[in-house]
Amino acid sequence: MNCNLTGKHSIMNYNGGAVMAMRGKNCVAIAADRRYGIQAQMVTTDFQKIFPMGDRLFIGLAGLATDVQTVAQRLKFRLNLYELKEGRQIKPKTFMSMVSNLLYERR
């Protein structure tokens, strides 16, 4: 079994997916595949890629499974801190800036 970082069975190969969102008049929709696997091999069909961040705020994340989970946890943590400090729910544009800052931190 080849288990190096670039080999066939590497955790680095289990990534990808699709997330799509659209808005209409007075409505929004967000969809994602729930597949987690590599090529024809499937590990699970219920991998979460859409995360609720508030009553009316969601984020869809695709990519390496561990990164998806880490980013979702960090965003939820920062969102909770924001709401504790400000005493109100975050606005979508402010949350968008929070996401942008988090993703740009490690570049």
PDB file of N, CA and C in Angstrom:
ATOM      1  N   MET A   1       0.845  -1.178   0.000  1.00  0.00           N
ATOM      2  CA  MET A   1       0.000   0.000   0.000  1.00  0.00           C
ATOM      3  C   MET A   1       0.892   1.243   0.000  1.00  0.00           C
ATOM      4  N   ASN A   2       0.658   2.138  -0.913  1.00  0.00           N
ATOM      5  CA  ASN A   2       1.429   3.376  -1.034  1.00  0.00           C
ATOM      6  C   ASN A   2       0.745   4.463  -0.212  1.00  0.00           C
ATOM      7  N   CYS A   3       1.368   4.913   0.862  1.00  0.00           N
ATOM      8  CA  CYS A   3       0.733   5.870   1.773  1.00  0.00           C
ATOM      9  C   CYS A   3       1.491   7.183   1.890  1.00  0.00           C
ATOM     10  N   ASN A   4       2.330   7.514   0.926  1.00  0.00           N
ATOM     11  CA  ASN A   4       3.021   8.800   1.015  1.00  0.00           C
ATOM     12  C   ASN A   4       2.083   9.934   0.610  1.00  0.00           C
ATOM     13  N   LEU A   5       2.533  11.175   0.764  1.00  0.00           N
ATOM     14  CA  LEU A   5       1.661  12.325   0.520  1.00  0.00           C
ATOM     15  C   LEU A   5       1.202  12.457  -0.921  1.00  0.00           C
ATOM     16  N   THR A   6       1.940  11.912  -1.847  1.00  0.00           N
ATOM     17  CA  THR A   6       1.547  12.033  -3.245  1.00  0.00           C
ATOM     18  C   THR A   6       1.010  10.731  -3.816  1.00  0.00           C
ATOM     19  N   GLY A   7       0.934   9.698  -3.006  1.00  0.00           N
ATOM     20  CA  GLY A   7       0.504   8.388  -3.473  1.00  0.00           C
ATOM     21  C   GLY A   7      -0.991   8.289  -3.671  1.00  0.00           C
ATOM     22  N   LYS A   8      -1.408   7.163  -4.230  1.00  0.00           N
ATOM     23  CA  LYS A   8      -2.809   6.927  -4.541  1.00  0.00           C
ATOM     24  C   LYS A   8      -3.697   6.954  -3.300  1.00  0.00           C
ATOM     25  N   HIS A   9      -3.209   6.480  -2.175  1.00  0.00           N
ATOM     26  CA  HIS A   9      -4.018   6.392  -0.967  1.00  0.00           C
ATOM     27  C   HIS A   9      -3.777   7.555  -0.008  1.00  0.00           C
ATOM     28  N   SER A  10      -3.264   8.626  -0.490  1.00  0.00           N
ATOM     29  CA  SER A  10      -2.973   9.785   0.344  1.00  0.00           C
ATOM     30  C   SER A  10      -4.251  10.534   0.711  1.00  0.00           C
ATOM     31  N   ILE A  11      -4.291  11.074   1.918  1.00  0.00           N
ATOM     32  CA  ILE A  11      -5.419  11.896   2.353  1.00  0.00           C
ATOM     33  C   ILE A  11      -5.552  13.139   1.479  1.00  0.00           C
ATOM     34  N   MET A  12      -4.457  13.562   0.851  1.00  0.00           N
ATOM     35  CA  MET A  12      -4.481  14.754   0.007  1.00  0.00           C
ATOM     36  C   MET A  12      -5.316  14.556  -1.258  1.00  0.00           C
ATOM     37  N   ASN A  13      -5.656  13.314  -1.587  1.00  0.00           N
ATOM     38  CA  ASN A  13      -6.467  13.043  -2.773  1.00  0.00           C
ATOM     39  C   ASN A  13      -7.963  13.123  -2.496  1.00  0.00           C
ATOM     40  N   TYR A  14      -8.365  13.100  -1.244  1.00  0.00           N
ATOM     41  CA  TYR A  14      -9.778  13.102  -0.889  1.00  0.00           C
ATOM     42  C   TYR A  14     -10.263  14.542  -0.734  1.00  0.00           C
ATOM     43  N   ASN A  15     -10.490  15.175  -1.847  1.00  0.00           N
ATOM     44  CA  ASN A  15     -10.936  16.560  -1.780  1.00  0.00           C
ATOM     45  C   ASN A  15     -11.868  16.857  -2.937  1.00  0.00           C
ATOM     46  N   GLY A  16     -12.310  18.093  -2.980  1.00  0.00           N
ATOM     47  CA  GLY A  16     -13.156  18.507  -4.085  1.00  0.00           C
ATOM     48  C   GLY A  16     -14.599  18.622  -3.667  1.00  0.00           C
ATOM     49  N   GLY A  17     -15.449  18.522  -4.632  1.00  0.00           N
ATOM     50  CA  GLY A  17     -16.867  18.656  -4.392  1.00  0.00           C
ATOM     51  C   GLY A  17     -17.409  19.868  -5.107  1.00  0.00           C
ATOM     52  N   ALA A  18     -18.679  20.075  -4.938  1.00  0.00           N
ATOM     53  CA  ALA A  18     -19.334  21.197  -5.603  1.00  0.00           C
ATOM     54  C   ALA A  18     -20.290  21.876  -4.637  1.00  0.00           C
ATOM     55  N   VAL A  19     -20.253  23.196  -4.636  1.00  0.00           N
ATOM     56  CA  VAL A  19     -21.194  24.007  -3.866  1.00  0.00           C
ATOM     57  C   VAL A  19     -21.708  25.077  -4.808  1.00  0.00           C
ATOM     58  N   MET A  20     -23.006  25.274  -4.816  1.00  0.00           N
ATOM     59  CA  MET A  20     -23.600  26.277  -5.689  1.00  0.00           C
ATOM     60  C   MET A  20     -24.642  27.060  -4.910  1.00  0.00           C
ATOM     61  N   ALA A  21     -24.677  28.357  -5.128  1.00  0.00           N
ATOM     62  CA  ALA A  21     -25.679  29.203  -4.478  1.00  0.00           C
ATOM     63  C   ALA A  21     -26.255  30.158  -5.512  1.00  0.00           C
ATOM     64  N   MET A  22     -27.501  30.527  -5.301  1.00  0.00           N
ATOM     65  CA  MET A  22     -28.126  31.518  -6.172  1.00  0.00           C
ATOM     66  C   MET A  22     -29.166  32.283  -5.376  1.00  0.00           C
ATOM     67  N   ARG A  23     -29.463  33.456  -5.869  1.00  0.00           N
ATOM     68  CA  ARG A  23     -30.486  34.249  -5.198  1.00  0.00           C
ATOM     69  C   ARG A  23     -31.546  34.652  -6.202  1.00  0.00           C
ATOM     70  N   GLY A  24     -32.711  34.831  -5.673  1.00  0.00           N
ATOM     71  CA  GLY A  24     -33.830  35.294  -6.474  1.00  0.00           C
ATOM     72  C   GLY A  24     -34.500  36.428  -5.731  1.00  0.00           C
ATOM     73  N   LYS A  25     -35.627  36.828  -6.208  1.00  0.00           N
ATOM     74  CA  LYS A  25     -36.365  37.886  -5.537  1.00  0.00           C
ATOM     75  C   LYS A  25     -36.943  37.309  -4.238  1.00  0.00           C
ATOM     76  N   ASN A  26     -36.491  37.835  -3.119  1.00  0.00           N
ATOM     77  CA  ASN A  26     -36.950  37.414  -1.785  1.00  0.00           C
ATOM     78  C   ASN A  26     -36.619  35.963  -1.437  1.00  0.00           C
ATOM     79  N   CYS A  27     -35.581  35.394  -2.060  1.00  0.00           N
ATOM     80  CA  CYS A  27     -35.218  34.018  -1.719  1.00  0.00           C
ATOM     81  C   CYS A  27     -33.761  33.744  -2.091  1.00  0.00           C
ATOM     82  N   VAL A  28     -33.212  32.706  -1.491  1.00  0.00           N
ATOM     83  CA  VAL A  28     -31.873  32.214  -1.835  1.00  0.00           C
ATOM     84  C   VAL A  28     -31.907  30.689  -1.823  1.00  0.00           C
ATOM     85  N   ALA A  29     -30.942  30.095  -2.503  1.00  0.00           N
ATOM     86  CA  ALA A  29     -30.805  28.636  -2.487  1.00  0.00           C
ATOM     87  C   ALA A  29     -29.321  28.308  -2.462  1.00  0.00           C
ATOM     88  N   ILE A  30     -28.967  27.300  -1.704  1.00  0.00           N
ATOM     89  CA  ILE A  30     -27.589  26.825  -1.661  1.00  0.00           C
ATOM     90  C   ILE A  30     -27.637  25.298  -1.702  1.00  0.00           C
ATOM     91  N   ALA A  31     -26.786  24.727  -2.536  1.00  0.00           N
ATOM     92  CA  ALA A  31     -26.782  23.273  -2.709  1.00  0.00           C
ATOM     93  C   ALA A  31     -25.345  22.773  -2.781  1.00  0.00           C
ATOM     94  N   ALA A  32     -25.150  21.541  -2.363  1.00  0.00           N
ATOM     95  CA  ALA A  32     -23.822  20.924  -2.424  1.00  0.00           C
ATOM     96  C   ALA A  32     -23.976  19.416  -2.556  1.00  0.00           C
ATOM     97  N   ASP A  33     -22.981  18.798  -3.167  1.00  0.00           N
ATOM     98  CA  ASP A  33     -22.963  17.343  -3.164  1.00  0.00           C
ATOM     99  C   ASP A  33     -22.542  16.887  -1.772  1.00  0.00           C
ATOM    100  N   ARG A  34     -22.874  15.676  -1.394  1.00  0.00           N
ATOM    101  CA  ARG A  34     -22.527  15.174  -0.061  1.00  0.00           C
ATOM    102  C   ARG A  34     -21.538  14.016  -0.146  1.00  0.00           C
ATOM    103  N   ARG A  35     -20.958  13.838  -1.307  1.00  0.00           N
ATOM    104  CA  ARG A  35     -20.020  12.739  -1.534  1.00  0.00           C
ATOM    105  C   ARG A  35     -18.649  13.070  -0.959  1.00  0.00           C
ATOM    106  N   TYR A  36     -18.019  12.055  -0.366  1.00  0.00           N
ATOM    107  CA  TYR A  36     -16.641  12.173   0.107  1.00  0.00           C
ATOM    108  C   TYR A  36     -15.908  10.938  -0.374  1.00  0.00           C
ATOM    109  N   GLY A  37     -14.952  11.131  -1.262  1.00  0.00           N
ATOM    110  CA  GLY A  37     -14.221   9.997  -1.798  1.00  0.00           C
ATOM    111  C   GLY A  37     -13.220  10.439  -2.833  1.00  0.00           C
ATOM    112  N   ILE A  38     -12.718   9.477  -3.575  1.00  0.00           N
ATOM    113  CA  ILE A  38     -11.733   9.741  -4.628  1.00  0.00           C
ATOM    114  C   ILE A  38     -12.108   8.919  -5.853  1.00  0.00           C
ATOM    115  N   GLN A  39     -12.196   9.557  -6.975  1.00  0.00           N
ATOM    116  CA  GLN A  39     -12.570   8.929  -8.240  1.00  0.00           C
ATOM    117  C   GLN A  39     -13.793   8.046  -8.032  1.00  0.00           C
ATOM    118  N   ALA A  40     -13.704   6.749  -8.333  1.00  0.00           N
ATOM    119  CA  ALA A  40     -14.865   5.865  -8.203  1.00  0.00           C
ATOM    120  C   ALA A  40     -15.054   5.334  -6.786  1.00  0.00           C
ATOM    121  N   GLN A  41     -14.057   5.501  -5.922  1.00  0.00           N
ATOM    122  CA  GLN A  41     -14.145   5.011  -4.543  1.00  0.00           C
ATOM    123  C   GLN A  41     -14.900   6.025  -3.692  1.00  0.00           C
ATOM    124  N   MET A  42     -15.906   5.556  -2.971  1.00  0.00           N
ATOM    125  CA  MET A  42     -16.688   6.440  -2.129  1.00  0.00           C
ATOM    126  C   MET A  42     -16.505   6.048  -0.668  1.00  0.00           C
ATOM    127  N   VAL A  43     -16.183   7.036   0.182  1.00  0.00           N
ATOM    128  CA  VAL A  43     -16.027   6.788   1.611  1.00  0.00           C
ATOM    129  C   VAL A  43     -17.370   6.961   2.302  1.00  0.00           C
ATOM    130  N   THR A  44     -18.066   8.043   1.987  1.00  0.00           N
ATOM    131  CA  THR A  44     -19.375   8.301   2.572  1.00  0.00           C
ATOM    132  C   THR A  44     -20.200   9.170   1.634  1.00  0.00           C
ATOM    133  N   THR A  45     -21.490   9.148   1.838  1.00  0.00           N
ATOM    134  CA  THR A  45     -22.382   9.978   1.022  1.00  0.00           C
ATOM    135  C   THR A  45     -23.131  11.001   1.870  1.00  0.00           C
ATOM    136  N   ASP A  46     -22.635  11.263   3.071  1.00  0.00           N
ATOM    137  CA  ASP A  46     -23.307  12.253   3.919  1.00  0.00           C
ATOM    138  C   ASP A  46     -22.323  13.242   4.537  1.00  0.00           C
ATOM    139  N   PHE A  47     -21.304  13.621   3.776  1.00  0.00           N
ATOM    140  CA  PHE A  47     -20.312  14.580   4.260  1.00  0.00           C
ATOM    141  C   PHE A  47     -20.889  15.995   4.172  1.00  0.00           C
ATOM    142  N   GLN A  48     -20.873  16.711   5.281  1.00  0.00           N
ATOM    143  CA  GLN A  48     -21.470  18.044   5.346  1.00  0.00           C
ATOM    144  C   GLN A  48     -20.572  19.088   4.685  1.00  0.00           C
ATOM    145  N   LYS A  49     -21.162  19.863   3.767  1.00  0.00           N
ATOM    146  CA  LYS A  49     -20.437  20.943   3.095  1.00  0.00           C
ATOM    147  C   LYS A  49     -21.145  22.281   3.228  1.00  0.00           C
ATOM    148  N   ILE A  50     -22.365  22.274   3.734  1.00  0.00           N
ATOM    149  CA  ILE A  50     -23.113  23.508   3.987  1.00  0.00           C
ATOM    150  C   ILE A  50     -23.302  23.619   5.493  1.00  0.00           C
ATOM    151  N   PHE A  51     -22.894  24.765   6.039  1.00  0.00           N
ATOM    152  CA  PHE A  51     -22.907  24.953   7.487  1.00  0.00           C
ATOM    153  C   PHE A  51     -23.763  26.157   7.858  1.00  0.00           C
ATOM    154  N   PRO A  52     -24.701  25.978   8.793  1.00  0.00           N
ATOM    155  CA  PRO A  52     -25.470  27.133   9.276  1.00  0.00           C
ATOM    156  C   PRO A  52     -24.600  27.980  10.201  1.00  0.00           C
ATOM    157  N   MET A  53     -24.574  29.271   9.951  1.00  0.00           N
ATOM    158  CA  MET A  53     -23.802  30.191  10.786  1.00  0.00           C
ATOM    159  C   MET A  53     -24.724  31.101  11.595  1.00  0.00           C
ATOM    160  N   GLY A  54     -25.983  31.035  11.322  1.00  0.00           N
ATOM    161  CA  GLY A  54     -26.974  31.831  12.030  1.00  0.00           C
ATOM    162  C   GLY A  54     -28.355  31.421  11.545  1.00  0.00           C
ATOM    163  N   ASP A  55     -29.373  32.151  12.004  1.00  0.00           N
ATOM    164  CA  ASP A  55     -30.739  31.833  11.593  1.00  0.00           C
ATOM    165  C   ASP A  55     -30.922  31.950  10.081  1.00  0.00           C
ATOM    166  N   ARG A  56     -30.303  32.969   9.494  1.00  0.00           N
ATOM    167  CA  ARG A  56     -30.464  33.223   8.062  1.00  0.00           C
ATOM    168  C   ARG A  56     -29.117  33.378   7.357  1.00  0.00           C
ATOM    169  N   LEU A  57     -28.101  32.697   7.874  1.00  0.00           N
ATOM    170  CA  LEU A  57     -26.750  32.823   7.334  1.00  0.00           C
ATOM    171  C   LEU A  57     -26.114  31.435   7.218  1.00  0.00           C
ATOM    172  N   PHE A  58     -25.717  31.079   5.999  1.00  0.00           N
ATOM    173  CA  PHE A  58     -25.123  29.772   5.727  1.00  0.00           C
ATOM    174  C   PHE A  58     -23.854  29.963   4.909  1.00  0.00           C
ATOM    175  N   ILE A  59     -22.952  28.983   4.993  1.00  0.00           N
ATOM    176  CA  ILE A  59     -21.766  28.990   4.150  1.00  0.00           C
ATOM    177  C   ILE A  59     -21.568  27.591   3.584  1.00  0.00           C
ATOM    178  N   GLY A  60     -21.194  27.534   2.319  1.00  0.00           N
ATOM    179  CA  GLY A  60     -20.881  26.278   1.657  1.00  0.00           C
ATOM    180  C   GLY A  60     -19.388  26.206   1.413  1.00  0.00           C
ATOM    181  N   LEU A  61     -18.780  25.102   1.795  1.00  0.00           N
ATOM    182  CA  LEU A  61     -17.333  24.929   1.660  1.00  0.00           C
ATOM    183  C   LEU A  61     -17.038  23.616   0.946  1.00  0.00           C
ATOM    184  N   ALA A  62     -16.147  23.673  -0.033  1.00  0.00           N
ATOM    185  CA  ALA A  62     -15.704  22.469  -0.736  1.00  0.00           C
ATOM    186  C   ALA A  62     -14.187  22.439  -0.712  1.00  0.00           C
ATOM    187  N   GLY A  63     -13.621  21.265  -0.837  1.00  0.00           N
ATOM    188  CA  GLY A  63     -12.169  21.131  -0.832  1.00  0.00           C
ATOM    189  C   GLY A  63     -11.748  19.968   0.036  1.00  0.00           C
ATOM    190  N   LEU A  64     -10.524  20.011   0.518  1.00  0.00           N
ATOM    191  CA  LEU A  64      -9.992  18.968   1.385  1.00  0.00           C
ATOM    192  C   LEU A  64     -10.865  18.865   2.640  1.00  0.00           C
ATOM    193  N   ALA A  65     -11.302  17.677   2.971  1.00  0.00           N
ATOM    194  CA  ALA A  65     -12.272  17.472   4.053  1.00  0.00           C
ATOM    195  C   ALA A  65     -11.833  18.091   5.378  1.00  0.00           C
ATOM    196  N   THR A  66     -10.576  17.920   5.751  1.00  0.00           N
ATOM    197  CA  THR A  66     -10.111  18.482   7.022  1.00  0.00           C
ATOM    198  C   THR A  66     -10.122  20.006   6.986  1.00  0.00           C
ATOM    199  N   ASP A  67      -9.822  20.590   5.834  1.00  0.00           N
ATOM    200  CA  ASP A  67      -9.870  22.049   5.706  1.00  0.00           C
ATOM    201  C   ASP A  67     -11.297  22.565   5.814  1.00  0.00           C
ATOM    202  N   VAL A  68     -12.234  21.858   5.203  1.00  0.00           N
ATOM    203  CA  VAL A  68     -13.645  22.247   5.273  1.00  0.00           C
ATOM    204  C   VAL A  68     -14.098  22.291   6.726  1.00  0.00           C
ATOM    205  N   GLN A  69     -13.794  21.248   7.480  1.00  0.00           N
ATOM    206  CA  GLN A  69     -14.212  21.185   8.879  1.00  0.00           C
ATOM    207  C   GLN A  69     -13.511  22.243   9.724  1.00  0.00           C
ATOM    208  N   THR A  70     -12.225  22.459   9.491  1.00  0.00           N
ATOM    209  CA  THR A  70     -11.469  23.456  10.253  1.00  0.00           C
ATOM    210  C   THR A  70     -11.975  24.865   9.983  1.00  0.00           C
ATOM    211  N   VAL A  71     -12.184  25.197   8.718  1.00  0.00           N
ATOM    212  CA  VAL A  71     -12.676  26.538   8.367  1.00  0.00           C
ATOM    213  C   VAL A  71     -14.056  26.765   8.963  1.00  0.00           C
ATOM    214  N   ALA A  72     -14.931  25.781   8.886  1.00  0.00           N
ATOM    215  CA  ALA A  72     -16.275  25.924   9.457  1.00  0.00           C
ATOM    216  C   ALA A  72     -16.209  26.152  10.968  1.00  0.00           C
ATOM    217  N   GLN A  73     -15.353  25.414  11.667  1.00  0.00           N
ATOM    218  CA  GLN A  73     -15.227  25.575  13.120  1.00  0.00           C
ATOM    219  C   GLN A  73     -14.664  26.939  13.483  1.00  0.00           C
ATOM    220  N   ARG A  74     -13.652  27.383  12.759  1.00  0.00           N
ATOM    221  CA  ARG A  74     -13.052  28.694  13.049  1.00  0.00           C
ATOM    222  C   ARG A  74     -14.018  29.832  12.760  1.00  0.00           C
ATOM    223  N   LEU A  75     -14.785  29.707  11.692  1.00  0.00           N
ATOM    224  CA  LEU A  75     -15.771  30.745  11.384  1.00  0.00           C
ATOM    225  C   LEU A  75     -16.852  30.803  12.459  1.00  0.00           C
ATOM    226  N   LYS A  76     -17.314  29.653  12.903  1.00  0.00           N
ATOM    227  CA  LYS A  76     -18.343  29.624  13.949  1.00  0.00           C
ATOM    228  C   LYS A  76     -17.806  30.241  15.245  1.00  0.00           C
ATOM    229  N   PHE A  77     -16.540  29.946  15.574  1.00  0.00           N
ATOM    230  CA  PHE A  77     -15.911  30.520  16.761  1.00  0.00           C
ATOM    231  C   PHE A  77     -15.840  32.045  16.653  1.00  0.00           C
ATOM    232  N   ARG A  78     -15.366  32.540  15.513  1.00  0.00           N
ATOM    233  CA  ARG A  78     -15.256  33.995  15.319  1.00  0.00           C
ATOM    234  C   ARG A  78     -16.622  34.662  15.289  1.00  0.00           C
ATOM    235  N   LEU A  79     -17.589  33.983  14.722  1.00  0.00           N
ATOM    236  CA  LEU A  79     -18.952  34.507  14.688  1.00  0.00           C
ATOM    237  C   LEU A  79     -19.510  34.633  16.105  1.00  0.00           C
ATOM    238  N   ASN A  80     -19.297  33.622  16.930  1.00  0.00           N
ATOM    239  CA  ASN A  80     -19.758  33.683  18.323  1.00  0.00           C
ATOM    240  C   ASN A  80     -19.082  34.818  19.083  1.00  0.00           C
ATOM    241  N   LEU A  81     -17.769  35.006  18.873  1.00  0.00           N
ATOM    242  CA  LEU A  81     -17.056  36.122  19.508  1.00  0.00           C
ATOM    243  C   LEU A  81     -17.631  37.463  19.077  1.00  0.00           C
ATOM    244  N   TYR A  82     -17.884  37.606  17.791  1.00  0.00           N
ATOM    245  CA  TYR A  82     -18.448  38.849  17.258  1.00  0.00           C
ATOM    246  C   TYR A  82     -19.790  39.148  17.921  1.00  0.00           C
ATOM    247  N   GLU A  83     -20.652  38.142  17.979  1.00  0.00           N
ATOM    248  CA  GLU A  83     -21.987  38.354  18.539  1.00  0.00           C
ATOM    249  C   GLU A  83     -21.942  38.633  20.037  1.00  0.00           C
ATOM    250  N   LEU A  84     -20.977  38.057  20.746  1.00  0.00           N
ATOM    251  CA  LEU A  84     -20.819  38.364  22.172  1.00  0.00           C
ATOM    252  C   LEU A  84     -20.330  39.794  22.380  1.00  0.00           C
ATOM    253  N   LYS A  85     -19.359  40.210  21.569  1.00  0.00           N
ATOM    254  CA  LYS A  85     -18.814  41.570  21.697  1.00  0.00           C
ATOM    255  C   LYS A  85     -19.813  42.632  21.275  1.00  0.00           C
ATOM    256  N   GLU A  86     -20.488  42.401  20.151  1.00  0.00           N
ATOM    257  CA  GLU A  86     -21.389  43.403  19.576  1.00  0.00           C
ATOM    258  C   GLU A  86     -22.801  43.347  20.159  1.00  0.00           C
ATOM    259  N   GLY A  87     -23.180  42.203  20.687  1.00  0.00           N
ATOM    260  CA  GLY A  87     -24.519  42.059  21.246  1.00  0.00           C
ATOM    261  C   GLY A  87     -25.611  42.014  20.190  1.00  0.00           C
ATOM    262  N   ARG A  88     -25.272  41.626  18.973  1.00  0.00           N
ATOM    263  CA  ARG A  88     -26.246  41.535  17.881  1.00  0.00           C
ATOM    264  C   ARG A  88     -25.759  40.505  16.861  1.00  0.00           C
ATOM    265  N   GLN A  89     -26.665  40.117  15.983  1.00  0.00           N
ATOM    266  CA  GLN A  89     -26.283  39.175  14.937  1.00  0.00           C
ATOM    267  C   GLN A  89     -25.467  39.881  13.862  1.00  0.00           C
ATOM    268  N   ILE A  90     -24.575  39.135  13.252  1.00  0.00           N
ATOM    269  CA  ILE A  90     -23.703  39.681  12.220  1.00  0.00           C
ATOM    270  C   ILE A  90     -24.483  39.875  10.915  1.00  0.00           C
ATOM    271  N   LYS A  91     -24.119  40.913  10.180  1.00  0.00           N
ATOM    272  CA  LYS A  91     -24.723  41.154   8.869  1.00  0.00           C
ATOM    273  C   LYS A  91     -23.955  40.339   7.829  1.00  0.00           C
ATOM    274  N   PRO A  92     -24.615  39.935   6.754  1.00  0.00           N
ATOM    275  CA  PRO A  92     -23.944  39.117   5.739  1.00  0.00           C
ATOM    276  C   PRO A  92     -22.672  39.745   5.167  1.00  0.00           C
ATOM    277  N   LYS A  93     -22.653  41.047   4.929  1.00  0.00           N
ATOM    278  CA  LYS A  93     -21.447  41.685   4.382  1.00  0.00           C
ATOM    279  C   LYS A  93     -20.300  41.648   5.388  1.00  0.00           C
ATOM    280  N   THR A  94     -20.601  41.792   6.656  1.00  0.00           N
ATOM    281  CA  THR A  94     -19.571  41.704   7.690  1.00  0.00           C
ATOM    282  C   THR A  94     -19.046  40.276   7.777  1.00  0.00           C
ATOM    283  N   PHE A  95     -19.948  39.310   7.683  1.00  0.00           N
ATOM    284  CA  PHE A  95     -19.533  37.906   7.693  1.00  0.00           C
ATOM    285  C   PHE A  95     -18.666  37.591   6.478  1.00  0.00           C
ATOM    286  N   MET A  96     -19.014  38.165   5.336  1.00  0.00           N
ATOM    287  CA  MET A  96     -18.219  37.976   4.125  1.00  0.00           C
ATOM    288  C   MET A  96     -16.789  38.473   4.340  1.00  0.00           C
ATOM    289  N   SER A  97     -16.637  39.597   5.006  1.00  0.00           N
ATOM    290  CA  SER A  97     -15.303  40.118   5.312  1.00  0.00           C
ATOM    291  C   SER A  97     -14.567  39.197   6.277  1.00  0.00           C
ATOM    292  N   MET A  98     -15.299  38.634   7.231  1.00  0.00           N
ATOM    293  CA  MET A  98     -14.708  37.702   8.187  1.00  0.00           C
ATOM    294  C   MET A  98     -14.174  36.464   7.465  1.00  0.00           C
ATOM    295  N   VAL A  99     -14.952  35.942   6.531  1.00  0.00           N
ATOM    296  CA  VAL A  99     -14.528  34.780   5.741  1.00  0.00           C
ATOM    297  C   VAL A  99     -13.287  35.129   4.926  1.00  0.00           C
ATOM    298  N   SER A 100     -13.313  36.278   4.279  1.00  0.00           N
ATOM    299  CA  SER A 100     -12.179  36.720   3.465  1.00  0.00           C
ATOM    300  C   SER A 100     -10.910  36.850   4.301  1.00  0.00           C
ATOM    301  N   ASN A 101     -11.025  37.454   5.466  1.00  0.00           N
ATOM    302  CA  ASN A 101      -9.867  37.617   6.355  1.00  0.00           C
ATOM    303  C   ASN A 101      -9.319  36.270   6.812  1.00  0.00           C
ATOM    304  N   LEU A 102     -10.200  35.354   7.171  1.00  0.00           N
ATOM    305  CA  LEU A 102      -9.763  34.030   7.616  1.00  0.00           C
ATOM    306  C   LEU A 102      -9.019  33.292   6.501  1.00  0.00           C
ATOM    307  N   LEU A 103      -9.561  33.334   5.304  1.00  0.00           N
ATOM    308  CA  LEU A 103      -8.940  32.619   4.192  1.00  0.00           C
ATOM    309  C   LEU A 103      -7.625  33.253   3.761  1.00  0.00           C
ATOM    310  N   TYR A 104      -7.488  34.556   3.934  1.00  0.00           N
ATOM    311  CA  TYR A 104      -6.282  35.248   3.496  1.00  0.00           C
ATOM    312  C   TYR A 104      -5.158  35.187   4.530  1.00  0.00           C
ATOM    313  N   GLU A 105      -5.477  34.858   5.790  1.00  0.00           N
ATOM    314  CA  GLU A 105      -4.488  34.835   6.875  1.00  0.00           C
ATOM    315  C   GLU A 105      -3.281  33.957   6.575  1.00  0.00           C
ATOM    316  N   ARG A 106      -3.485  32.818   5.991  1.00  0.00           N
ATOM    317  CA  ARG A 106      -2.420  31.823   5.805  1.00  0.00           C
ATOM    318  C   ARG A 106      -1.753  31.882   4.430  1.00  0.00           C
ATOM    319  N   ARG A 107      -2.071  32.875   3.646  1.00  0.00           N
ATOM    320  CA  ARG A 107      -1.459  32.987   2.305  1.00  0.00           C
ATOM    321  C   ARG A 107      -0.034  33.407   2.392  1.00  0.00           C
TER     322      ARG A 107
END
